[in-house]
PDB file of N, CA and C in Angstrom:
ATOM      1  N   MET A   1      -6.581  65.122 -51.251  1.00  0.00           N
ATOM      2  CA  MET A   1      -6.004  64.279 -50.228  1.00  0.00           C
ATOM      3  C   MET A   1      -7.111  63.414 -49.647  1.00  0.00           C
ATOM      4  N   HIS A   2      -7.259  62.295 -50.194  1.00  0.00           N
ATOM      5  CA  HIS A   2      -8.342  61.405 -49.829  1.00  0.00           C
ATOM      6  C   HIS A   2      -8.055  60.700 -48.512  1.00  0.00           C
ATOM      7  N   GLY A   3      -8.843  61.021 -47.499  1.00  0.00           N
ATOM      8  CA  GLY A   3      -8.721  60.333 -46.230  1.00  0.00           C
ATOM      9  C   GLY A   3      -7.555  60.753 -45.353  1.00  0.00           C
ATOM     10  N   VAL A   4      -6.818  61.770 -45.762  1.00  0.00           N
ATOM     11  CA  VAL A   4      -5.685  62.247 -44.968  1.00  0.00           C
ATOM     12  C   VAL A   4      -6.122  63.525 -44.249  1.00  0.00           C
ATOM     13  N   THR A   5      -6.101  63.495 -42.931  1.00  0.00           N
ATOM     14  CA  THR A   5      -6.528  64.657 -42.160  1.00  0.00           C
ATOM     15  C   THR A   5      -5.372  65.651 -41.992  1.00  0.00           C
ATOM     16  N   LEU A   6      -5.727  66.857 -41.629  1.00  0.00           N
ATOM     17  CA  LEU A   6      -4.705  67.866 -41.366  1.00  0.00           C
ATOM     18  C   LEU A   6      -3.795  67.409 -40.225  1.00  0.00           C
ATOM     19  N   LYS A   7      -4.371  66.756 -39.251  1.00  0.00           N
ATOM     20  CA  LYS A   7      -3.584  66.223 -38.128  1.00  0.00           C
ATOM     21  C   LYS A   7      -2.563  65.209 -38.644  1.00  0.00           C
ATOM     22  N   ASP A   8      -2.993  64.320 -39.533  1.00  0.00           N
ATOM     23  CA  ASP A   8      -2.078  63.337 -40.122  1.00  0.00           C
ATOM     24  C   ASP A   8      -0.955  64.021 -40.884  1.00  0.00           C
ATOM     25  N   ILE A   9      -1.313  65.057 -41.636  1.00  0.00           N
ATOM     26  CA  ILE A   9      -0.323  65.786 -42.436  1.00  0.00           C
ATOM     27  C   ILE A   9       0.748  66.390 -41.536  1.00  0.00           C
ATOM     28  N   ILE A  10       0.316  67.075 -40.501  1.00  0.00           N
ATOM     29  CA  ILE A  10       1.282  67.716 -39.600  1.00  0.00           C
ATOM     30  C   ILE A  10       2.157  66.665 -38.926  1.00  0.00           C
ATOM     31  N   ASN A  11       1.540  65.608 -38.443  1.00  0.00           N
ATOM     32  CA  ASN A  11       2.322  64.550 -37.780  1.00  0.00           C
ATOM     33  C   ASN A  11       3.371  63.957 -38.717  1.00  0.00           C
ATOM     34  N   ARG A  12       3.000  63.709 -39.963  1.00  0.00           N
ATOM     35  CA  ARG A  12       3.957  63.134 -40.916  1.00  0.00           C
ATOM     36  C   ARG A  12       5.063  64.116 -41.268  1.00  0.00           C
ATOM     37  N   LEU A  13       4.706  65.396 -41.423  1.00  0.00           N
ATOM     38  CA  LEU A  13       5.722  66.403 -41.723  1.00  0.00           C
ATOM     39  C   LEU A  13       6.702  66.559 -40.564  1.00  0.00           C
ATOM     40  N   VAL A  14       6.192  66.580 -39.358  1.00  0.00           N
ATOM     41  CA  VAL A  14       7.063  66.709 -38.179  1.00  0.00           C
ATOM     42  C   VAL A  14       7.947  65.472 -38.043  1.00  0.00           C
ATOM     43  N   ALA A  15       7.401  64.302 -38.306  1.00  0.00           N
ATOM     44  CA  ALA A  15       8.208  63.075 -38.229  1.00  0.00           C
ATOM     45  C   ALA A  15       9.313  63.093 -39.284  1.00  0.00           C
ATOM     46  N   HIS A  16       9.015  63.645 -40.439  1.00  0.00           N
ATOM     47  CA  HIS A  16       9.986  63.673 -41.534  1.00  0.00           C
ATOM     48  C   HIS A  16      11.025  64.782 -41.372  1.00  0.00           C
ATOM     49  N   TYR A  17      10.567  65.996 -41.077  1.00  0.00           N
ATOM     50  CA  TYR A  17      11.456  67.166 -41.028  1.00  0.00           C
ATOM     51  C   TYR A  17      11.859  67.580 -39.611  1.00  0.00           C
ATOM     52  N   GLY A  18      10.971  67.365 -38.634  1.00  0.00           N
ATOM     53  CA  GLY A  18      11.163  67.940 -37.300  1.00  0.00           C
ATOM     54  C   GLY A  18      10.624  69.362 -37.316  1.00  0.00           C
ATOM     55  N   TRP A  19      10.308  69.892 -36.150  1.00  0.00           N
ATOM     56  CA  TRP A  19       9.722  71.235 -36.073  1.00  0.00           C
ATOM     57  C   TRP A  19      10.656  72.299 -36.642  1.00  0.00           C
ATOM     58  N   GLU A  20      11.939  72.201 -36.337  1.00  0.00           N
ATOM     59  CA  GLU A  20      12.881  73.245 -36.763  1.00  0.00           C
ATOM     60  C   GLU A  20      12.980  73.332 -38.291  1.00  0.00           C
ATOM     61  N   LYS A  21      13.164  72.211 -38.949  1.00  0.00           N
ATOM     62  CA  LYS A  21      13.264  72.218 -40.412  1.00  0.00           C
ATOM     63  C   LYS A  21      11.919  72.550 -41.051  1.00  0.00           C
ATOM     64  N   LEU A  22      10.842  72.103 -40.428  1.00  0.00           N
ATOM     65  CA  LEU A  22       9.511  72.433 -40.937  1.00  0.00           C
ATOM     66  C   LEU A  22       9.290  73.945 -40.889  1.00  0.00           C
ATOM     67  N   ALA A  23       9.728  74.570 -39.807  1.00  0.00           N
ATOM     68  CA  ALA A  23       9.586  76.027 -39.664  1.00  0.00           C
ATOM     69  C   ALA A  23      10.404  76.768 -40.713  1.00  0.00           C
ATOM     70  N   LYS A  24      11.520  76.207 -41.138  1.00  0.00           N
ATOM     71  CA  LYS A  24      12.324  76.844 -42.182  1.00  0.00           C
ATOM     72  C   LYS A  24      11.657  76.723 -43.544  1.00  0.00           C
ATOM     73  N   ARG A  25      10.941  75.632 -43.754  1.00  0.00           N
ATOM     74  CA  ARG A  25      10.282  75.397 -45.039  1.00  0.00           C
ATOM     75  C   ARG A  25       8.970  76.164 -45.157  1.00  0.00           C
ATOM     76  N   VAL A  26       8.233  76.252 -44.043  1.00  0.00           N
ATOM     77  CA  VAL A  26       6.967  76.995 -44.009  1.00  0.00           C
ATOM     78  C   VAL A  26       7.082  77.993 -42.873  1.00  0.00           C
ATOM     79  N   LYS A  27       7.262  79.226 -43.219  1.00  0.00           N
ATOM     80  CA  LYS A  27       7.545  80.257 -42.219  1.00  0.00           C
ATOM     81  C   LYS A  27       6.258  80.795 -41.592  1.00  0.00           C
ATOM     82  N   ILE A  28       5.788  80.057 -40.584  1.00  0.00           N
ATOM     83  CA  ILE A  28       4.625  80.494 -39.817  1.00  0.00           C
ATOM     84  C   ILE A  28       4.928  80.323 -38.337  1.00  0.00           C
ATOM     85  N   GLY A  29       4.398  81.218 -37.541  1.00  0.00           N
ATOM     86  CA  GLY A  29       4.709  81.280 -36.120  1.00  0.00           C
ATOM     87  C   GLY A  29       4.407  80.022 -35.337  1.00  0.00           C
ATOM     88  N   CYS A  30       3.344  79.318 -35.713  1.00  0.00           N
ATOM     89  CA  CYS A  30       2.991  78.124 -34.933  1.00  0.00           C
ATOM     90  C   CYS A  30       4.019  77.008 -35.089  1.00  0.00           C
ATOM     91  N   PHE A  31       4.919  77.131 -36.065  1.00  0.00           N
ATOM     92  CA  PHE A  31       5.996  76.150 -36.220  1.00  0.00           C
ATOM     93  C   PHE A  31       7.295  76.628 -35.570  1.00  0.00           C
ATOM     94  N   THR A  32       7.394  77.918 -35.274  1.00  0.00           N
ATOM     95  CA  THR A  32       8.646  78.460 -34.743  1.00  0.00           C
ATOM     96  C   THR A  32       8.607  78.741 -33.244  1.00  0.00           C
ATOM     97  N   THR A  33       7.485  79.217 -32.739  1.00  0.00           N
ATOM     98  CA  THR A  33       7.379  79.612 -31.339  1.00  0.00           C
ATOM     99  C   THR A  33       6.551  78.591 -30.573  1.00  0.00           C
ATOM    100  N   ASN A  34       7.178  77.834 -29.717  1.00  0.00           N
ATOM    101  CA  ASN A  34       6.508  76.782 -28.940  1.00  0.00           C
ATOM    102  C   ASN A  34       5.621  75.910 -29.818  1.00  0.00           C
ATOM    103  N   PRO A  35       6.196  75.261 -30.817  1.00  0.00           N
ATOM    104  CA  PRO A  35       5.371  74.484 -31.744  1.00  0.00           C
ATOM    105  C   PRO A  35       4.696  73.286 -31.067  1.00  0.00           C
ATOM    106  N   SER A  36       3.466  73.072 -31.451  1.00  0.00           N
ATOM    107  CA  SER A  36       2.727  71.905 -30.973  1.00  0.00           C
ATOM    108  C   SER A  36       1.683  71.539 -32.016  1.00  0.00           C
ATOM    109  N   LEU A  37       1.232  70.331 -31.937  1.00  0.00           N
ATOM    110  CA  LEU A  37       0.196  69.880 -32.859  1.00  0.00           C
ATOM    111  C   LEU A  37      -1.070  70.713 -32.667  1.00  0.00           C
ATOM    112  N   LYS A  38      -1.441  70.932 -31.419  1.00  0.00           N
ATOM    113  CA  LYS A  38      -2.679  71.660 -31.120  1.00  0.00           C
ATOM    114  C   LYS A  38      -2.651  73.089 -31.668  1.00  0.00           C
ATOM    115  N   SER A  39      -1.562  73.819 -31.424  1.00  0.00           N
ATOM    116  CA  SER A  39      -1.495  75.201 -31.907  1.00  0.00           C
ATOM    117  C   SER A  39      -1.431  75.248 -33.425  1.00  0.00           C
ATOM    118  N   SER A  40      -0.765  74.281 -34.031  1.00  0.00           N
ATOM    119  CA  SER A  40      -0.660  74.237 -35.489  1.00  0.00           C
ATOM    120  C   SER A  40      -2.018  73.971 -36.121  1.00  0.00           C
ATOM    121  N   LEU A  41      -2.744  73.018 -35.572  1.00  0.00           N
ATOM    122  CA  LEU A  41      -4.075  72.722 -36.100  1.00  0.00           C
ATOM    123  C   LEU A  41      -4.994  73.932 -35.990  1.00  0.00           C
ATOM    124  N   LYS A  42      -4.967  74.584 -34.856  1.00  0.00           N
ATOM    125  CA  LYS A  42      -5.824  75.751 -34.631  1.00  0.00           C
ATOM    126  C   LYS A  42      -5.507  76.842 -35.650  1.00  0.00           C
ATOM    127  N   PHE A  43      -4.227  77.146 -35.842  1.00  0.00           N
ATOM    128  CA  PHE A  43      -3.829  78.194 -36.776  1.00  0.00           C
ATOM    129  C   PHE A  43      -4.154  77.824 -38.213  1.00  0.00           C
ATOM    130  N   LEU A  44      -3.802  76.610 -38.616  1.00  0.00           N
ATOM    131  CA  LEU A  44      -3.975  76.203 -40.010  1.00  0.00           C
ATOM    132  C   LEU A  44      -5.445  76.085 -40.402  1.00  0.00           C
ATOM    133  N   ARG A  45      -6.286  75.743 -39.469  1.00  0.00           N
ATOM    134  CA  ARG A  45      -7.725  75.660 -39.765  1.00  0.00           C
ATOM    135  C   ARG A  45      -8.331  77.040 -40.003  1.00  0.00           C
ATOM    136  N   LYS A  46      -7.701  78.076 -39.459  1.00  0.00           N
ATOM    137  CA  LYS A  46      -8.209  79.443 -39.609  1.00  0.00           C
ATOM    138  C   LYS A  46      -7.499  80.227 -40.708  1.00  0.00           C
ATOM    139  N   THR A  47      -6.426  79.684 -41.260  1.00  0.00           N
ATOM    140  CA  THR A  47      -5.577  80.447 -42.173  1.00  0.00           C
ATOM    141  C   THR A  47      -5.361  79.672 -43.473  1.00  0.00           C
ATOM    142  N   PRO A  48      -6.230  79.901 -44.457  1.00  0.00           N
ATOM    143  CA  PRO A  48      -6.173  79.125 -45.704  1.00  0.00           C
ATOM    144  C   PRO A  48      -4.837  79.178 -46.446  1.00  0.00           C
ATOM    145  N   TRP A  49      -4.174  80.334 -46.492  1.00  0.00           N
ATOM    146  CA  TRP A  49      -2.921  80.422 -47.240  1.00  0.00           C
ATOM    147  C   TRP A  49      -1.832  79.561 -46.593  1.00  0.00           C
ATOM    148  N   ALA A  50      -1.820  79.528 -45.267  1.00  0.00           N
ATOM    149  CA  ALA A  50      -0.813  78.731 -44.563  1.00  0.00           C
ATOM    150  C   ALA A  50      -1.119  77.244 -44.717  1.00  0.00           C
ATOM    151  N   ARG A  51      -2.388  76.906 -44.638  1.00  0.00           N
ATOM    152  CA  ARG A  51      -2.776  75.500 -44.819  1.00  0.00           C
ATOM    153  C   ARG A  51      -2.391  75.021 -46.217  1.00  0.00           C
ATOM    154  N   LYS A  52      -2.588  75.879 -47.200  1.00  0.00           N
ATOM    155  CA  LYS A  52      -2.232  75.518 -48.576  1.00  0.00           C
ATOM    156  C   LYS A  52      -0.731  75.234 -48.681  1.00  0.00           C
ATOM    157  N   GLU A  53       0.095  76.067 -48.066  1.00  0.00           N
ATOM    158  CA  GLU A  53       1.545  75.852 -48.087  1.00  0.00           C
ATOM    159  C   GLU A  53       1.925  74.528 -47.425  1.00  0.00           C
ATOM    160  N   VAL A  54       1.296  74.231 -46.306  1.00  0.00           N
ATOM    161  CA  VAL A  54       1.582  72.989 -45.580  1.00  0.00           C
ATOM    162  C   VAL A  54       1.153  71.790 -46.427  1.00  0.00           C
ATOM    163  N   GLU A  55      -0.015  71.870 -47.043  1.00  0.00           N
ATOM    164  CA  GLU A  55      -0.491  70.769 -47.882  1.00  0.00           C
ATOM    165  C   GLU A  55       0.412  70.577 -49.099  1.00  0.00           C
ATOM    166  N   GLU A  56       0.887  71.667 -49.683  1.00  0.00           N
ATOM    167  CA  GLU A  56       1.806  71.565 -50.823  1.00  0.00           C
ATOM    168  C   GLU A  56       3.122  70.913 -50.414  1.00  0.00           C
ATOM    169  N   LEU A  57       3.632  71.267 -49.243  1.00  0.00           N
ATOM    170  CA  LEU A  57       4.858  70.638 -48.756  1.00  0.00           C
ATOM    171  C   LEU A  57       4.631  69.148 -48.513  1.00  0.00           C
ATOM    172  N   PHE A  58       3.474  68.808 -47.975  1.00  0.00           N
ATOM    173  CA  PHE A  58       3.144  67.405 -47.746  1.00  0.00           C
ATOM    174  C   PHE A  58       3.131  66.631 -49.068  1.00  0.00           C
ATOM    175  N   HIS A  59       2.495  67.200 -50.086  1.00  0.00           N
ATOM    176  CA  HIS A  59       2.459  66.546 -51.399  1.00  0.00           C
ATOM    177  C   HIS A  59       3.870  66.367 -51.960  1.00  0.00           C
ATOM    178  N   GLU A  60       4.703  67.370 -51.803  1.00  0.00           N
ATOM    179  CA  GLU A  60       6.093  67.287 -52.262  1.00  0.00           C
ATOM    180  C   GLU A  60       6.833  66.165 -51.529  1.00  0.00           C
ATOM    181  N   MET A  61       6.640  66.082 -50.225  1.00  0.00           N
ATOM    182  CA  MET A  61       7.288  65.049 -49.425  1.00  0.00           C
ATOM    183  C   MET A  61       6.834  63.656 -49.871  1.00  0.00           C
ATOM    184  N   VAL A  62       5.549  63.487 -50.097  1.00  0.00           N
ATOM    185  CA  VAL A  62       5.012  62.195 -50.528  1.00  0.00           C
ATOM    186  C   VAL A  62       5.576  61.815 -51.892  1.00  0.00           C
ATOM    187  N   ARG A  63       5.643  62.785 -52.816  1.00  0.00           N
ATOM    188  CA  ARG A  63       6.223  62.515 -54.143  1.00  0.00           C
ATOM    189  C   ARG A  63       7.677  62.071 -54.024  1.00  0.00           C
ATOM    190  N   GLN A  64       8.448  62.752 -53.183  1.00  0.00           N
ATOM    191  CA  GLN A  64       9.852  62.395 -53.003  1.00  0.00           C
ATOM    192  C   GLN A  64       9.991  61.001 -52.395  1.00  0.00           C
ATOM    193  N   GLU A  65       9.124  60.666 -51.449  1.00  0.00           N
ATOM    194  CA  GLU A  65       9.165  59.331 -50.843  1.00  0.00           C
ATOM    195  C   GLU A  65       8.856  58.258 -51.881  1.00  0.00           C
ATOM    196  N   LYS A  66       7.873  58.519 -52.747  1.00  0.00           N
ATOM    197  CA  LYS A  66       7.522  57.559 -53.797  1.00  0.00           C
ATOM    198  C   LYS A  66       8.670  57.378 -54.774  1.00  0.00           C
ATOM    199  N   MET A  67       9.314  58.488 -55.154  1.00  0.00           N
ATOM    200  CA  MET A  67      10.446  58.410 -56.082  1.00  0.00           C
ATOM    201  C   MET A  67      11.584  57.604 -55.461  1.00  0.00           C
ATOM    202  N   LYS A  68      11.854  57.837 -54.192  1.00  0.00           N
ATOM    203  CA  LYS A  68      12.921  57.122 -53.494  1.00  0.00           C
ATOM    204  C   LYS A  68      12.605  55.624 -53.444  1.00  0.00           C
ATOM    205  N   THR A  69      11.358  55.296 -53.164  1.00  0.00           N
ATOM    206  CA  THR A  69      10.939  53.898 -53.111  1.00  0.00           C
ATOM    207  C   THR A  69      11.088  53.245 -54.479  1.00  0.00           C
ATOM    208  N   GLN A  70      10.689  53.947 -55.527  1.00  0.00           N
ATOM    209  CA  GLN A  70      10.797  53.406 -56.880  1.00  0.00           C
ATOM    210  C   GLN A  70      12.248  53.171 -57.256  1.00  0.00           C
ATOM    211  N   LYS A  71      13.145  54.090 -56.904  1.00  0.00           N
ATOM    212  CA  LYS A  71      14.569  53.918 -57.198  1.00  0.00           C
ATOM    213  C   LYS A  71      15.120  52.687 -56.490  1.00  0.00           C
ATOM    214  N   ASN A  72      14.710  52.486 -55.240  1.00  0.00           N
ATOM    215  CA  ASN A  72      15.184  51.320 -54.481  1.00  0.00           C
ATOM    216  C   ASN A  72      14.678  50.016 -55.095  1.00  0.00           C
ATOM    217  N   VAL A  73      13.462  50.022 -55.615  1.00  0.00           N
ATOM    218  CA  VAL A  73      12.924  48.829 -56.261  1.00  0.00           C
ATOM    219  C   VAL A  73      13.718  48.514 -57.519  1.00  0.00           C
ATOM    220  N   TRP A  74      14.044  49.545 -58.291  1.00  0.00           N
ATOM    221  CA  TRP A  74      14.821  49.341 -59.521  1.00  0.00           C
ATOM    222  C   TRP A  74      16.234  48.825 -59.215  1.00  0.00           C
ATOM    223  N   LYS A  75      16.819  49.331 -58.142  1.00  0.00           N
ATOM    224  CA  LYS A  75      18.165  48.879 -57.763  1.00  0.00           C
ATOM    225  C   LYS A  75      18.167  47.403 -57.359  1.00  0.00           C
ATOM    226  N   GLN A  76      17.109  46.992 -56.668  1.00  0.00           N
ATOM    227  CA  GLN A  76      17.017  45.611 -56.192  1.00  0.00           C
ATOM    228  C   GLN A  76      16.676  44.641 -57.332  1.00  0.00           C
ATOM    229  N   GLY A  77      15.935  45.137 -58.324  1.00  0.00           N
ATOM    230  CA  GLY A  77      15.464  44.287 -59.416  1.00  0.00           C
ATOM    231  C   GLY A  77      16.513  44.016 -60.383  1.00  0.00           C
TER     232      GLY A  77
END
């Protein structure tokens, strides 16, 4: 992830899914109980397995966005 910070990742995931749906996709307490950017960053920086799950979800989301964009370009062309 070149130039994408963990803060950016969380912000984009929350903007896309919202805290509730994000918590269903990645089952970690910092997303379910009083979720905040600060608590999520603190937890994910200390917990490699959880950070890996969040990064994988981010990659999946980006791939889906690219596919959707490509389909729209083909429809318009």
